[in-house]
Amino acid sequence: MRIEIIGREGFVPNKREKAYVEKRLAKVVDIFGPNVISEIRVVCKQYKDHYKIEVTIPAKRTILRAEVQDKDMLTAVDKVTDKLVAQIRKHKDKLKNNLEKEGIKQAYSKAFDEEIFERTTLSSQLVKNKKIKLDPMTTEEAITEMELLGHDFYVFLEKETMKTNVIYRRYDGNYAVIETEN
């Protein structure tokens, strides 16, 4: 497993901080197992009055993501780890069902070689470009993935129709789906 720790906004993590991040994220790896998680990306940013820690854990059909701000860098690492563990526990049954599906369990044992997110600055208005691989899944699975990421929407390939759909959380807390037509 590879843990990539990157400093941004003028922050360069030292060896002690990197070791602490790796030690704390071992808790998340232990929950899933080293065969499921092959890569963890940690971005540490330092601002005038606080630190911001962003953790992204891509795996096949599951992406965990959390970000936390705090005045102390190590406290922020603790908080982001606790946030990831809480996400896992919240969605434990749904994740377990996905991992036990035929073929998925075997896929998790393989190393994850693809870079899921590719950042590109195209113009002053477009600040991020993400490339994702659309895996066939049900609407319920897409909701789980969206909740794990902490996003308000999620793009997925609908399992039955094999069409690209977008699920999103409405202002009233309910979910809605945008279905594409060819």
C-alpha atoms as a PDB file:
ATOM      1  CA  MET A   1       0.000   0.000   0.000  1.00  0.00           C
ATOM      2  CA  ARG A   2       1.202   3.473  -0.884  1.00  0.00           C
ATOM      3  CA  ILE A   3       0.510   6.559   1.222  1.00  0.00           C
ATOM      4  CA  GLU A   4       1.173   9.800  -0.633  1.00  0.00           C
ATOM      5  CA  ILE A   5       1.502  12.800   1.692  1.00  0.00           C
ATOM      6  CA  ILE A   6       1.625  16.130  -0.104  1.00  0.00           C
ATOM      7  CA  GLY A   7       2.077  19.624   1.319  1.00  0.00           C
ATOM      8  CA  ARG A   8       0.355  22.624  -0.257  1.00  0.00           C
ATOM      9  CA  GLU A   9      -0.100  26.329   0.446  1.00  0.00           C
ATOM     10  CA  GLY A  10       3.468  26.619   1.704  1.00  0.00           C
ATOM     11  CA  PHE A  11       3.383  23.609   4.022  1.00  0.00           C
ATOM     12  CA  VAL A  12       6.004  20.866   3.802  1.00  0.00           C
ATOM     13  CA  PRO A  13       5.333  17.947   6.182  1.00  0.00           C
ATOM     14  CA  ASN A  14       8.395  16.681   8.052  1.00  0.00           C
ATOM     15  CA  LYS A  15       9.237  13.020   8.773  1.00  0.00           C
ATOM     16  CA  ARG A  16       7.577  13.077  12.195  1.00  0.00           C
ATOM     17  CA  GLU A  17       4.317  14.435  10.780  1.00  0.00           C
ATOM     18  CA  LYS A  18       4.380  11.929   7.910  1.00  0.00           C
ATOM     19  CA  ALA A  19       4.953   9.067  10.350  1.00  0.00           C
ATOM     20  CA  TYR A  20       2.037  10.266  12.481  1.00  0.00           C
ATOM     21  CA  VAL A  21      -0.275  10.440   9.447  1.00  0.00           C
ATOM     22  CA  GLU A  22       0.717   6.908   8.403  1.00  0.00           C
ATOM     23  CA  LYS A  23       0.200   5.592  11.938  1.00  0.00           C
ATOM     24  CA  ARG A  24      -3.278   7.132  12.258  1.00  0.00           C
ATOM     25  CA  LEU A  25      -4.420   6.007   8.773  1.00  0.00           C
ATOM     26  CA  ALA A  26      -3.376   2.443   9.618  1.00  0.00           C
ATOM     27  CA  LYS A  27      -6.620   2.339  11.635  1.00  0.00           C
ATOM     28  CA  VAL A  28      -8.654   2.878   8.450  1.00  0.00           C
ATOM     29  CA  VAL A  29      -6.587   0.312   6.542  1.00  0.00           C
ATOM     30  CA  ASP A  30      -7.150  -2.226   9.335  1.00  0.00           C
ATOM     31  CA  ILE A  31     -10.924  -1.851   9.014  1.00  0.00           C
ATOM     32  CA  PHE A  32     -10.904  -2.648   5.288  1.00  0.00           C
ATOM     33  CA  GLY A  33      -7.790  -4.765   5.114  1.00  0.00           C
ATOM     34  CA  PRO A  34      -4.609  -4.131   3.110  1.00  0.00           C
ATOM     35  CA  ASN A  35      -5.986  -6.018   0.084  1.00  0.00           C
ATOM     36  CA  VAL A  36      -8.815  -3.502  -0.378  1.00  0.00           C
ATOM     37  CA  ILE A  37      -6.866  -0.260   0.013  1.00  0.00           C
ATOM     38  CA  SER A  38      -3.817   0.085  -2.200  1.00  0.00           C
ATOM     39  CA  GLU A  39      -3.393   3.849  -2.141  1.00  0.00           C
ATOM     40  CA  ILE A  40      -4.095   6.770   0.185  1.00  0.00           C
ATOM     41  CA  ARG A  41      -3.621  10.395  -0.823  1.00  0.00           C
ATOM     42  CA  VAL A  42      -3.221  12.986   1.927  1.00  0.00           C
ATOM     43  CA  VAL A  43      -3.022  16.699   1.150  1.00  0.00           C
ATOM     44  CA  CYS A  44      -1.860  18.952   3.992  1.00  0.00           C
ATOM     45  CA  LYS A  45      -2.404  22.691   3.630  1.00  0.00           C
ATOM     46  CA  GLN A  46      -1.236  25.436   5.945  1.00  0.00           C
ATOM     47  CA  TYR A  47      -3.094  28.720   6.120  1.00  0.00           C
ATOM     48  CA  LYS A  48      -2.467  31.763   8.257  1.00  0.00           C
ATOM     49  CA  ASP A  49      -4.497  30.525  11.252  1.00  0.00           C
ATOM     50  CA  HIS A  50      -5.213  26.833  10.592  1.00  0.00           C
ATOM     51  CA  TYR A  51      -4.271  23.600   8.827  1.00  0.00           C
ATOM     52  CA  LYS A  52      -6.480  21.694   6.420  1.00  0.00           C
ATOM     53  CA  ILE A  53      -6.079  17.935   5.899  1.00  0.00           C
ATOM     54  CA  GLU A  54      -7.746  16.221   2.924  1.00  0.00           C
ATOM     55  CA  VAL A  55      -7.673  12.413   2.651  1.00  0.00           C
ATOM     56  CA  THR A  56      -8.805  10.489  -0.427  1.00  0.00           C
ATOM     57  CA  ILE A  57      -8.793   6.697  -0.439  1.00  0.00           C
ATOM     58  CA  PRO A  58      -9.644   5.314  -3.880  1.00  0.00           C
ATOM     59  CA  ALA A  59     -10.491   1.653  -4.284  1.00  0.00           C
ATOM     60  CA  LYS A  60     -12.522  -0.165  -6.887  1.00  0.00           C
ATOM     61  CA  ARG A  61     -16.198   0.850  -6.561  1.00  0.00           C
ATOM     62  CA  THR A  62     -15.543   2.789  -3.353  1.00  0.00           C
ATOM     63  CA  ILE A  63     -13.911   6.121  -2.682  1.00  0.00           C
ATOM     64  CA  LEU A  64     -13.590   7.425   0.855  1.00  0.00           C
ATOM     65  CA  ARG A  65     -12.928  11.125   1.274  1.00  0.00           C
ATOM     66  CA  ALA A  66     -12.765  13.471   4.232  1.00  0.00           C
ATOM     67  CA  GLU A  67     -11.358  16.880   4.991  1.00  0.00           C
ATOM     68  CA  VAL A  68     -10.898  18.685   8.287  1.00  0.00           C
ATOM     69  CA  GLN A  69      -9.557  22.040   9.473  1.00  0.00           C
ATOM     70  CA  ASP A  70      -7.908  22.731  12.807  1.00  0.00           C
ATOM     71  CA  LYS A  71      -5.382  25.081  14.375  1.00  0.00           C
ATOM     72  CA  ASP A  72      -3.064  22.130  15.107  1.00  0.00           C
ATOM     73  CA  MET A  73      -1.908  19.859  12.282  1.00  0.00           C
ATOM     74  CA  LEU A  74      -1.793  16.662  14.347  1.00  0.00           C
ATOM     75  CA  THR A  75      -5.248  17.319  15.798  1.00  0.00           C
ATOM     76  CA  ALA A  76      -6.541  17.759  12.243  1.00  0.00           C
ATOM     77  CA  VAL A  77      -5.040  14.361  11.341  1.00  0.00           C
ATOM     78  CA  ASP A  78      -6.825  12.787  14.326  1.00  0.00           C
ATOM     79  CA  LYS A  79     -10.123  14.404  13.347  1.00  0.00           C
ATOM     80  CA  VAL A  80      -9.904  13.347   9.691  1.00  0.00           C
ATOM     81  CA  THR A  81      -9.123   9.757  10.707  1.00  0.00           C
ATOM     82  CA  ASP A  82     -12.075   9.734  13.096  1.00  0.00           C
ATOM     83  CA  LYS A  83     -14.272  11.142  10.333  1.00  0.00           C
ATOM     84  CA  LEU A  84     -13.238   8.363   7.928  1.00  0.00           C
ATOM     85  CA  VAL A  85     -13.850   5.676  10.554  1.00  0.00           C
ATOM     86  CA  ALA A  86     -17.286   7.179  11.285  1.00  0.00           C
ATOM     87  CA  GLN A  87     -18.128   7.090   7.563  1.00  0.00           C
ATOM     88  CA  ILE A  88     -17.112   3.451   7.370  1.00  0.00           C
ATOM     89  CA  ARG A  89     -19.143   2.517  10.439  1.00  0.00           C
ATOM     90  CA  LYS A  90     -22.172   4.453   9.187  1.00  0.00           C
ATOM     91  CA  HIS A  91     -22.149   2.611   5.888  1.00  0.00           C
ATOM     92  CA  LYS A  92     -20.748  -0.683   7.214  1.00  0.00           C
ATOM     93  CA  ASP A  93     -23.638  -2.892   6.093  1.00  0.00           C
ATOM     94  CA  LYS A  94     -23.847  -1.378   2.625  1.00  0.00           C
ATOM     95  CA  LEU A  95     -20.098  -1.657   2.150  1.00  0.00           C
ATOM     96  CA  LYS A  96     -20.103  -5.224   3.426  1.00  0.00           C
ATOM     97  CA  ASN A  97     -22.844  -6.155   0.934  1.00  0.00           C
ATOM     98  CA  ASN A  98     -20.823  -4.621  -1.918  1.00  0.00           C
ATOM     99  CA  LEU A  99     -17.641  -6.448  -0.881  1.00  0.00           C
ATOM    100  CA  GLU A 100     -19.421  -9.799  -0.663  1.00  0.00           C
ATOM    101  CA  LYS A 101     -20.875  -9.652  -4.195  1.00  0.00           C
ATOM    102  CA  GLU A 102     -19.547 -12.207  -6.625  1.00  0.00           C
ATOM    103  CA  GLY A 103     -16.462 -10.909  -8.421  1.00  0.00           C
ATOM    104  CA  ILE A 104     -16.111  -7.756  -6.335  1.00  0.00           C
ATOM    105  CA  LYS A 105     -14.222  -9.459  -3.519  1.00  0.00           C
ATOM    106  CA  GLN A 106     -11.687 -10.789  -6.016  1.00  0.00           C
ATOM    107  CA  ALA A 107     -11.345  -7.360  -7.637  1.00  0.00           C
ATOM    108  CA  TYR A 108     -10.426  -5.789  -4.300  1.00  0.00           C
ATOM    109  CA  SER A 109      -7.459  -8.113  -3.920  1.00  0.00           C
ATOM    110  CA  LYS A 110      -5.823  -6.666  -7.052  1.00  0.00           C
ATOM    111  CA  ALA A 111      -3.668  -3.564  -6.856  1.00  0.00           C
ATOM    112  CA  PHE A 112      -5.353  -0.333  -7.937  1.00  0.00           C
ATOM    113  CA  ASP A 113      -3.095   1.094 -10.635  1.00  0.00           C
ATOM    114  CA  GLU A 114      -5.248   3.828 -12.155  1.00  0.00           C
ATOM    115  CA  GLU A 115      -5.148   7.460 -11.112  1.00  0.00           C
ATOM    116  CA  ILE A 116      -8.843   8.226 -10.519  1.00  0.00           C
ATOM    117  CA  PHE A 117      -8.594  11.973 -10.281  1.00  0.00           C
ATOM    118  CA  GLU A 118      -6.547  14.038 -12.714  1.00  0.00           C
ATOM    119  CA  ARG A 119      -6.337  17.729 -11.936  1.00  0.00           C
ATOM    120  CA  THR A 120      -6.008  20.160 -14.786  1.00  0.00           C
ATOM    121  CA  THR A 121      -6.464  23.906 -14.823  1.00  0.00           C
ATOM    122  CA  LEU A 122      -8.201  24.749 -18.092  1.00  0.00           C
ATOM    123  CA  SER A 123      -9.174  28.355 -17.449  1.00  0.00           C
ATOM    124  CA  SER A 124      -9.624  30.833 -14.642  1.00  0.00           C
ATOM    125  CA  GLN A 125     -13.208  29.629 -14.085  1.00  0.00           C
ATOM    126  CA  LEU A 126     -12.570  25.903 -14.323  1.00  0.00           C
ATOM    127  CA  VAL A 127     -10.324  25.034 -11.405  1.00  0.00           C
ATOM    128  CA  LYS A 128     -10.512  21.233 -11.375  1.00  0.00           C
ATOM    129  CA  ASN A 129     -10.978  18.455 -13.897  1.00  0.00           C
ATOM    130  CA  LYS A 130     -11.810  14.978 -12.593  1.00  0.00           C
ATOM    131  CA  LYS A 131     -11.790  11.819 -14.640  1.00  0.00           C
ATOM    132  CA  ILE A 132     -13.713   8.888 -13.244  1.00  0.00           C
ATOM    133  CA  LYS A 133     -14.357   5.356 -14.377  1.00  0.00           C
ATOM    134  CA  LEU A 134     -18.071   4.607 -14.424  1.00  0.00           C
ATOM    135  CA  ASP A 135     -18.852   1.225 -12.933  1.00  0.00           C
ATOM    136  CA  PRO A 136     -22.330  -0.281 -13.314  1.00  0.00           C
ATOM    137  CA  MET A 137     -24.266   0.009 -10.043  1.00  0.00           C
ATOM    138  CA  THR A 138     -27.753   0.379  -8.675  1.00  0.00           C
ATOM    139  CA  THR A 139     -29.201   3.657  -7.479  1.00  0.00           C
ATOM    140  CA  GLU A 140     -28.867   2.512  -3.869  1.00  0.00           C
ATOM    141  CA  GLU A 141     -25.166   1.763  -4.358  1.00  0.00           C
ATOM    142  CA  ALA A 142     -24.704   5.205  -5.939  1.00  0.00           C
ATOM    143  CA  ILE A 143     -26.336   6.850  -2.909  1.00  0.00           C
ATOM    144  CA  THR A 144     -23.919   4.982  -0.643  1.00  0.00           C
ATOM    145  CA  GLU A 145     -20.920   6.119  -2.705  1.00  0.00           C
ATOM    146  CA  MET A 146     -22.176   9.715  -2.714  1.00  0.00           C
ATOM    147  CA  GLU A 147     -22.595   9.655   1.079  1.00  0.00           C
ATOM    148  CA  LEU A 148     -19.120   8.146   1.567  1.00  0.00           C
ATOM    149  CA  LEU A 149     -17.605  10.934  -0.516  1.00  0.00           C
ATOM    150  CA  GLY A 150     -19.584  13.597   1.303  1.00  0.00           C
ATOM    151  CA  HIS A 151     -20.744  15.089  -2.005  1.00  0.00           C
ATOM    152  CA  ASP A 152     -24.156  16.394  -3.031  1.00  0.00           C
ATOM    153  CA  PHE A 153     -24.171  14.461  -6.321  1.00  0.00           C
ATOM    154  CA  TYR A 154     -22.687  11.333  -7.889  1.00  0.00           C
ATOM    155  CA  VAL A 155     -22.294  10.244 -11.534  1.00  0.00           C
ATOM    156  CA  PHE A 156     -22.741   6.525 -12.195  1.00  0.00           C
ATOM    157  CA  LEU A 157     -23.594   3.926 -14.832  1.00  0.00           C
ATOM    158  CA  GLU A 158     -27.049   2.488 -14.094  1.00  0.00           C
ATOM    159  CA  LYS A 159     -26.761  -1.293 -13.883  1.00  0.00           C
ATOM    160  CA  GLU A 160     -29.988  -2.217 -15.719  1.00  0.00           C
ATOM    161  CA  THR A 161     -30.058   0.400 -18.488  1.00  0.00           C
ATOM    162  CA  MET A 162     -26.253   0.874 -18.787  1.00  0.00           C
ATOM    163  CA  LYS A 163     -26.852   4.634 -19.157  1.00  0.00           C
ATOM    164  CA  THR A 164     -25.004   7.395 -17.372  1.00  0.00           C
ATOM    165  CA  ASN A 165     -27.069   8.852 -14.526  1.00  0.00           C
ATOM    166  CA  VAL A 166     -26.539  11.521 -11.895  1.00  0.00           C
ATOM    167  CA  ILE A 167     -27.979  11.147  -8.415  1.00  0.00           C
ATOM    168  CA  TYR A 168     -28.162  14.205  -6.184  1.00  0.00           C
ATOM    169  CA  ARG A 169     -29.392  15.299  -2.786  1.00  0.00           C
ATOM    170  CA  ARG A 170     -32.206  17.807  -2.947  1.00  0.00           C
ATOM    171  CA  TYR A 171     -32.543  20.751  -0.571  1.00  0.00           C
ATOM    172  CA  ASP A 172     -35.338  18.924   1.268  1.00  0.00           C
ATOM    173  CA  GLY A 173     -32.931  16.041   2.058  1.00  0.00           C
ATOM    174  CA  ASN A 174     -34.440  13.589  -0.445  1.00  0.00           C
ATOM    175  CA  TYR A 175     -32.615  12.155  -3.448  1.00  0.00           C
ATOM    176  CA  ALA A 176     -33.319  12.592  -7.156  1.00  0.00           C
ATOM    177  CA  VAL A 177     -31.882  11.006 -10.313  1.00  0.00           C
ATOM    178  CA  ILE A 178     -31.125  12.621 -13.651  1.00  0.00           C
ATOM    179  CA  GLU A 179     -31.321   9.970 -16.362  1.00  0.00           C
ATOM    180  CA  THR A 180     -29.621  10.452 -19.717  1.00  0.00           C
ATOM    181  CA  GLU A 181     -31.145   9.662 -23.104  1.00  0.00           C
ATOM    182  CA  ASN A 182     -29.273   8.747 -26.266  1.00  0.00           C
END
